[in-house]
C-alpha cells in the first residue's frame, strides 16, 4: 500500500511513517506541489496510490468517481503534525484493510 500525502500534510510524513507505510510519497516528491486536485487524483489513480488529505475535496471526488484511487480523510481540526502522524500510526491496520477492500472508496479517520 502506497500513500500519497497531499499538501495539507507535511512532506516529513514519508520518512516518519516509512516503517508502517513503506513506499509512500508526498506530492512534492513527484512535482505536484501546488497542483489542483484533479492532477493529484490522476497521478494517484495511475500510480496505485491512496490519497491522504485533510482536504474534503478528495472525499467529494471519491463519491463522484469511486475508486481508484482510494482516499483517506484525516478528520482532525487544528493540530500538530505529530498528532496526525500518531493518528495514522494508530489506524495502520484499518488503513491496510481499507486498501485491500476492492469496493471501498473513502475512509475518514479521527
N, C-alpha and C. Protein backbone atom coordinates (compact mmCIF):
# COMPACT_ATOMS: atom_id res chain seq x y z
N UNK A 1 0.84 -1.17 0.00
CA UNK A 1 0.00 0.00 0.00
C UNK A 1 0.89 1.24 0.00
N UNK A 2 0.66 2.08 -0.99
CA UNK A 2 1.45 3.30 -1.13
C UNK A 2 0.54 4.50 -0.91
N UNK A 3 0.86 5.30 0.10
CA UNK A 3 0.10 6.50 0.38
C UNK A 3 0.70 7.68 -0.37
N UNK A 4 -0.16 8.59 -0.79
CA UNK A 4 0.26 9.85 -1.40
C UNK A 4 -0.27 10.96 -0.52
N UNK A 5 0.63 11.60 0.22
CA UNK A 5 0.26 12.69 1.12
C UNK A 5 0.12 13.97 0.31
N UNK A 6 -1.00 14.66 0.45
CA UNK A 6 -1.17 15.90 -0.29
C UNK A 6 -0.57 17.07 0.49
N UNK A 7 -0.71 18.27 -0.06
CA UNK A 7 -0.06 19.43 0.54
C UNK A 7 -0.61 19.83 1.90
N UNK A 8 -1.76 19.31 2.29
CA UNK A 8 -2.29 19.63 3.61
C UNK A 8 -1.53 18.90 4.72
N UNK A 9 -0.64 18.01 4.32
CA UNK A 9 0.15 17.22 5.27
C UNK A 9 1.64 17.42 5.01
N UNK A 10 2.45 17.31 6.05
CA UNK A 10 3.89 17.56 5.88
C UNK A 10 4.59 16.50 5.03
N UNK A 11 5.55 16.93 4.25
CA UNK A 11 6.37 16.01 3.46
C UNK A 11 7.17 15.07 4.36
N UNK A 12 7.42 15.47 5.59
CA UNK A 12 8.18 14.63 6.52
C UNK A 12 7.45 13.34 6.87
N UNK A 13 6.15 13.24 6.57
CA UNK A 13 5.41 12.00 6.87
C UNK A 13 5.98 10.81 6.10
N UNK A 14 6.53 11.05 4.92
CA UNK A 14 7.11 9.95 4.14
C UNK A 14 8.18 9.24 4.97
N UNK A 15 9.03 10.01 5.59
CA UNK A 15 10.11 9.45 6.42
C UNK A 15 9.57 8.97 7.77
N UNK A 16 8.73 9.78 8.40
CA UNK A 16 8.23 9.47 9.74
C UNK A 16 7.39 8.21 9.80
N UNK A 17 6.72 7.89 8.69
CA UNK A 17 5.80 6.75 8.69
C UNK A 17 6.26 5.61 7.78
N UNK A 18 7.52 5.66 7.36
CA UNK A 18 8.04 4.65 6.43
C UNK A 18 7.99 3.23 7.00
N UNK A 19 8.05 3.10 8.31
CA UNK A 19 8.02 1.76 8.89
C UNK A 19 6.64 1.10 8.78
N UNK A 20 5.56 1.88 8.75
CA UNK A 20 4.21 1.31 8.63
C UNK A 20 3.61 1.48 7.24
N UNK A 21 4.10 2.46 6.48
CA UNK A 21 3.60 2.72 5.12
C UNK A 21 4.77 2.89 4.16
N UNK A 22 5.56 1.83 3.96
CA UNK A 22 6.73 1.94 3.08
C UNK A 22 6.32 2.26 1.64
N UNK A 23 7.16 3.00 0.96
CA UNK A 23 6.90 3.35 -0.43
C UNK A 23 5.99 4.54 -0.61
N UNK A 24 5.54 5.13 0.49
CA UNK A 24 4.65 6.28 0.39
C UNK A 24 5.42 7.50 -0.09
N UNK A 25 4.68 8.47 -0.64
CA UNK A 25 5.29 9.67 -1.20
C UNK A 25 4.45 10.90 -0.86
N UNK A 26 5.05 12.04 -1.04
CA UNK A 26 4.37 13.32 -0.86
C UNK A 26 4.23 13.95 -2.24
N UNK A 27 3.20 14.76 -2.46
CA UNK A 27 3.02 15.40 -3.76
C UNK A 27 4.27 16.17 -4.20
N UNK A 28 4.98 16.71 -3.26
CA UNK A 28 6.21 17.45 -3.58
C UNK A 28 7.26 16.54 -4.20
N UNK A 29 7.27 15.26 -3.79
CA UNK A 29 8.26 14.31 -4.30
C UNK A 29 8.09 14.03 -5.79
N UNK A 30 6.88 14.24 -6.30
CA UNK A 30 6.60 13.92 -7.70
C UNK A 30 6.23 15.16 -8.51
N UNK A 31 6.62 16.33 -8.00
CA UNK A 31 6.42 17.57 -8.73
C UNK A 31 4.98 18.05 -8.80
N UNK A 32 4.16 17.63 -7.84
CA UNK A 32 2.76 18.03 -7.85
C UNK A 32 2.40 19.06 -6.78
N UNK A 33 3.41 19.69 -6.18
CA UNK A 33 3.10 20.74 -5.22
C UNK A 33 2.36 21.85 -5.94
N UNK A 34 1.39 22.42 -5.28
CA UNK A 34 0.55 23.50 -5.81
C UNK A 34 -0.28 23.07 -7.02
N UNK A 35 -0.46 21.77 -7.22
CA UNK A 35 -1.30 21.28 -8.31
C UNK A 35 -2.74 21.19 -7.85
N UNK A 36 -3.65 21.24 -8.79
CA UNK A 36 -5.05 21.11 -8.40
C UNK A 36 -5.38 19.65 -8.11
N UNK A 37 -6.52 19.47 -7.45
CA UNK A 37 -6.91 18.12 -7.01
C UNK A 37 -7.02 17.14 -8.16
N UNK A 38 -7.46 17.60 -9.32
CA UNK A 38 -7.64 16.70 -10.47
C UNK A 38 -6.31 16.08 -10.90
N UNK A 39 -5.24 16.84 -10.91
CA UNK A 39 -3.93 16.30 -11.29
C UNK A 39 -3.42 15.30 -10.26
N UNK A 40 -3.61 15.63 -9.00
CA UNK A 40 -3.18 14.72 -7.94
C UNK A 40 -4.00 13.44 -7.98
N UNK A 41 -5.30 13.57 -8.21
CA UNK A 41 -6.19 12.41 -8.34
C UNK A 41 -5.71 11.51 -9.47
N UNK A 42 -5.43 12.10 -10.63
CA UNK A 42 -4.97 11.33 -11.79
C UNK A 42 -3.65 10.62 -11.51
N UNK A 43 -2.73 11.32 -10.85
CA UNK A 43 -1.45 10.70 -10.50
C UNK A 43 -1.67 9.49 -9.59
N UNK A 44 -2.49 9.67 -8.56
CA UNK A 44 -2.75 8.58 -7.61
C UNK A 44 -3.39 7.40 -8.32
N UNK A 45 -4.32 7.67 -9.19
CA UNK A 45 -5.01 6.59 -9.92
C UNK A 45 -4.03 5.82 -10.81
N UNK A 46 -3.21 6.54 -11.55
CA UNK A 46 -2.25 5.92 -12.46
C UNK A 46 -1.17 5.13 -11.73
N UNK A 47 -0.79 5.60 -10.54
CA UNK A 47 0.35 5.01 -9.83
C UNK A 47 -0.04 4.15 -8.63
N UNK A 48 -1.31 3.85 -8.48
CA UNK A 48 -1.75 2.94 -7.43
C UNK A 48 -1.57 3.47 -6.02
N UNK A 49 -1.78 4.77 -5.84
CA UNK A 49 -1.63 5.39 -4.52
C UNK A 49 -2.99 5.60 -3.87
N UNK A 50 -2.96 5.67 -2.55
CA UNK A 50 -4.12 6.09 -1.77
C UNK A 50 -3.84 7.52 -1.32
N UNK A 51 -4.73 8.44 -1.68
CA UNK A 51 -4.55 9.84 -1.31
C UNK A 51 -4.89 10.02 0.16
N UNK A 52 -4.02 10.70 0.90
CA UNK A 52 -4.26 11.04 2.30
C UNK A 52 -4.28 12.55 2.40
N UNK A 53 -5.38 13.09 2.95
CA UNK A 53 -5.55 14.53 2.96
C UNK A 53 -6.48 14.98 4.07
N UNK A 54 -6.35 16.25 4.45
CA UNK A 54 -7.32 16.90 5.32
C UNK A 54 -8.35 17.67 4.49
N UNK A 55 -8.14 17.73 3.20
CA UNK A 55 -8.99 18.47 2.26
C UNK A 55 -10.24 17.65 1.93
N UNK A 56 -11.41 18.20 2.18
CA UNK A 56 -12.65 17.48 1.93
C UNK A 56 -12.95 17.30 0.44
N UNK A 57 -12.25 18.01 -0.41
CA UNK A 57 -12.46 17.88 -1.85
C UNK A 57 -12.21 16.47 -2.36
N UNK A 58 -11.27 15.77 -1.76
CA UNK A 58 -10.99 14.39 -2.18
C UNK A 58 -12.12 13.45 -1.77
N UNK A 59 -12.75 13.70 -0.64
CA UNK A 59 -13.91 12.90 -0.23
C UNK A 59 -15.01 13.07 -1.27
N UNK A 60 -15.23 14.29 -1.71
CA UNK A 60 -16.24 14.56 -2.73
C UNK A 60 -15.92 13.82 -4.02
N UNK A 61 -14.66 13.84 -4.43
CA UNK A 61 -14.25 13.12 -5.64
C UNK A 61 -14.47 11.62 -5.50
N UNK A 62 -14.21 11.09 -4.32
CA UNK A 62 -14.37 9.64 -4.13
C UNK A 62 -15.84 9.24 -4.27
N UNK A 63 -16.75 10.12 -3.86
CA UNK A 63 -18.18 9.84 -4.01
C UNK A 63 -18.57 9.93 -5.49
N UNK A 64 -18.07 10.94 -6.19
CA UNK A 64 -18.41 11.14 -7.60
C UNK A 64 -17.83 10.07 -8.51
N UNK A 65 -16.57 9.71 -8.29
CA UNK A 65 -15.87 8.85 -9.24
C UNK A 65 -15.60 7.45 -8.73
N UNK A 66 -15.65 7.24 -7.43
CA UNK A 66 -15.31 5.93 -6.87
C UNK A 66 -13.84 5.62 -7.04
N UNK A 67 -13.42 4.48 -6.50
CA UNK A 67 -12.01 4.12 -6.64
C UNK A 67 -11.72 3.52 -8.01
N UNK A 68 -10.49 3.50 -8.43
CA UNK A 68 -9.35 4.14 -7.78
C UNK A 68 -9.26 5.62 -8.13
N UNK A 69 -8.51 6.37 -7.39
CA UNK A 69 -7.80 5.98 -6.18
C UNK A 69 -8.74 6.01 -4.97
N UNK A 70 -8.28 5.40 -3.94
CA UNK A 70 -8.96 5.46 -2.66
C UNK A 70 -8.49 6.72 -1.94
N UNK A 71 -9.28 7.15 -0.95
CA UNK A 71 -8.96 8.38 -0.22
C UNK A 71 -9.10 8.13 1.27
N UNK A 72 -8.10 8.58 2.02
CA UNK A 72 -8.17 8.60 3.48
C UNK A 72 -8.30 10.06 3.88
N UNK A 73 -9.39 10.36 4.57
CA UNK A 73 -9.64 11.73 5.02
C UNK A 73 -9.29 11.88 6.48
N UNK A 74 -8.29 12.69 6.75
CA UNK A 74 -7.89 12.98 8.13
C UNK A 74 -8.86 14.02 8.68
N UNK A 75 -9.59 13.63 9.71
CA UNK A 75 -10.63 14.49 10.27
C UNK A 75 -10.24 14.98 11.66
N UNK A 76 -9.13 15.66 11.72
CA UNK A 76 -8.69 16.33 12.95
C UNK A 76 -8.67 17.81 12.65
N UNK A 77 -9.12 18.60 13.58
CA UNK A 77 -9.08 20.05 13.40
C UNK A 77 -7.66 20.56 13.43
N UNK A 78 -7.49 21.76 13.89
CA UNK A 78 -6.18 22.37 14.01
C UNK A 78 -5.37 21.58 15.03
N UNK A 79 -4.30 20.95 14.58
CA UNK A 79 -3.50 20.11 15.46
C UNK A 79 -2.07 20.04 14.93
N UNK A 80 -1.23 19.39 15.67
CA UNK A 80 0.17 19.26 15.27
C UNK A 80 0.34 18.14 14.25
N UNK A 81 1.44 18.22 13.53
CA UNK A 81 1.79 17.15 12.60
C UNK A 81 1.99 15.84 13.36
N UNK A 82 2.54 15.93 14.56
CA UNK A 82 2.74 14.72 15.36
C UNK A 82 1.41 14.04 15.68
N UNK A 83 0.38 14.82 15.97
CA UNK A 83 -0.93 14.25 16.27
C UNK A 83 -1.49 13.49 15.06
N UNK A 84 -1.28 14.04 13.87
CA UNK A 84 -1.75 13.37 12.66
C UNK A 84 -0.93 12.11 12.39
N UNK A 85 0.39 12.20 12.56
CA UNK A 85 1.24 11.02 12.37
C UNK A 85 0.84 9.92 13.35
N UNK A 86 0.58 10.28 14.59
CA UNK A 86 0.13 9.30 15.59
C UNK A 86 -1.20 8.68 15.19
N UNK A 87 -2.11 9.49 14.67
CA UNK A 87 -3.41 9.00 14.22
C UNK A 87 -3.24 7.97 13.10
N UNK A 88 -2.43 8.29 12.12
CA UNK A 88 -2.18 7.36 11.01
C UNK A 88 -1.53 6.07 11.50
N UNK A 89 -0.62 6.20 12.42
CA UNK A 89 0.04 5.03 13.00
C UNK A 89 -0.97 4.15 13.75
N UNK A 90 -1.83 4.77 14.56
CA UNK A 90 -2.85 4.02 15.32
C UNK A 90 -3.83 3.29 14.41
N UNK A 91 -4.09 3.89 13.27
CA UNK A 91 -5.07 3.31 12.34
C UNK A 91 -4.41 2.51 11.21
N UNK A 92 -3.16 2.14 11.37
CA UNK A 92 -2.46 1.46 10.27
C UNK A 92 -3.14 0.15 9.87
N UNK A 93 -3.62 -0.63 10.82
CA UNK A 93 -4.31 -1.88 10.47
C UNK A 93 -5.59 -1.59 9.70
N UNK A 94 -6.32 -0.57 10.11
CA UNK A 94 -7.56 -0.18 9.42
C UNK A 94 -7.25 0.29 8.01
N UNK A 95 -6.18 1.04 7.84
CA UNK A 95 -5.80 1.51 6.52
C UNK A 95 -5.41 0.36 5.60
N UNK A 96 -4.71 -0.64 6.14
CA UNK A 96 -4.33 -1.80 5.33
C UNK A 96 -5.57 -2.61 4.92
N UNK A 97 -6.53 -2.74 5.82
CA UNK A 97 -7.79 -3.42 5.50
C UNK A 97 -8.55 -2.64 4.42
N UNK A 98 -8.61 -1.34 4.58
CA UNK A 98 -9.25 -0.45 3.61
C UNK A 98 -8.60 -0.61 2.23
N UNK A 99 -7.29 -0.64 2.19
CA UNK A 99 -6.57 -0.77 0.92
C UNK A 99 -6.93 -2.07 0.21
N UNK A 100 -7.16 -3.13 0.96
CA UNK A 100 -7.47 -4.44 0.37
C UNK A 100 -8.92 -4.57 -0.08
N UNK A 101 -9.80 -3.73 0.41
CA UNK A 101 -11.22 -3.79 0.08
C UNK A 101 -11.43 -3.21 -1.32
N UNK A 102 -11.84 -4.04 -2.26
CA UNK A 102 -11.98 -3.62 -3.65
C UNK A 102 -13.09 -2.59 -3.87
N UNK A 103 -14.07 -2.52 -2.98
CA UNK A 103 -15.20 -1.63 -3.19
C UNK A 103 -15.12 -0.32 -2.40
N UNK A 104 -14.31 -0.27 -1.36
CA UNK A 104 -14.23 0.92 -0.50
C UNK A 104 -13.53 2.05 -1.25
N UNK A 105 -14.06 3.26 -1.10
CA UNK A 105 -13.51 4.42 -1.79
C UNK A 105 -12.95 5.46 -0.83
N UNK A 106 -13.60 5.64 0.33
CA UNK A 106 -13.23 6.71 1.25
C UNK A 106 -13.23 6.20 2.68
N UNK A 107 -12.18 6.57 3.41
CA UNK A 107 -12.06 6.20 4.82
C UNK A 107 -11.76 7.44 5.64
N UNK A 108 -12.73 7.93 6.42
CA UNK A 108 -12.43 9.04 7.33
C UNK A 108 -11.81 8.49 8.61
N UNK A 109 -10.79 9.15 9.10
CA UNK A 109 -10.21 8.76 10.38
C UNK A 109 -10.10 9.99 11.29
N UNK A 110 -10.33 9.76 12.55
CA UNK A 110 -10.27 10.86 13.54
C UNK A 110 -9.81 10.33 14.86
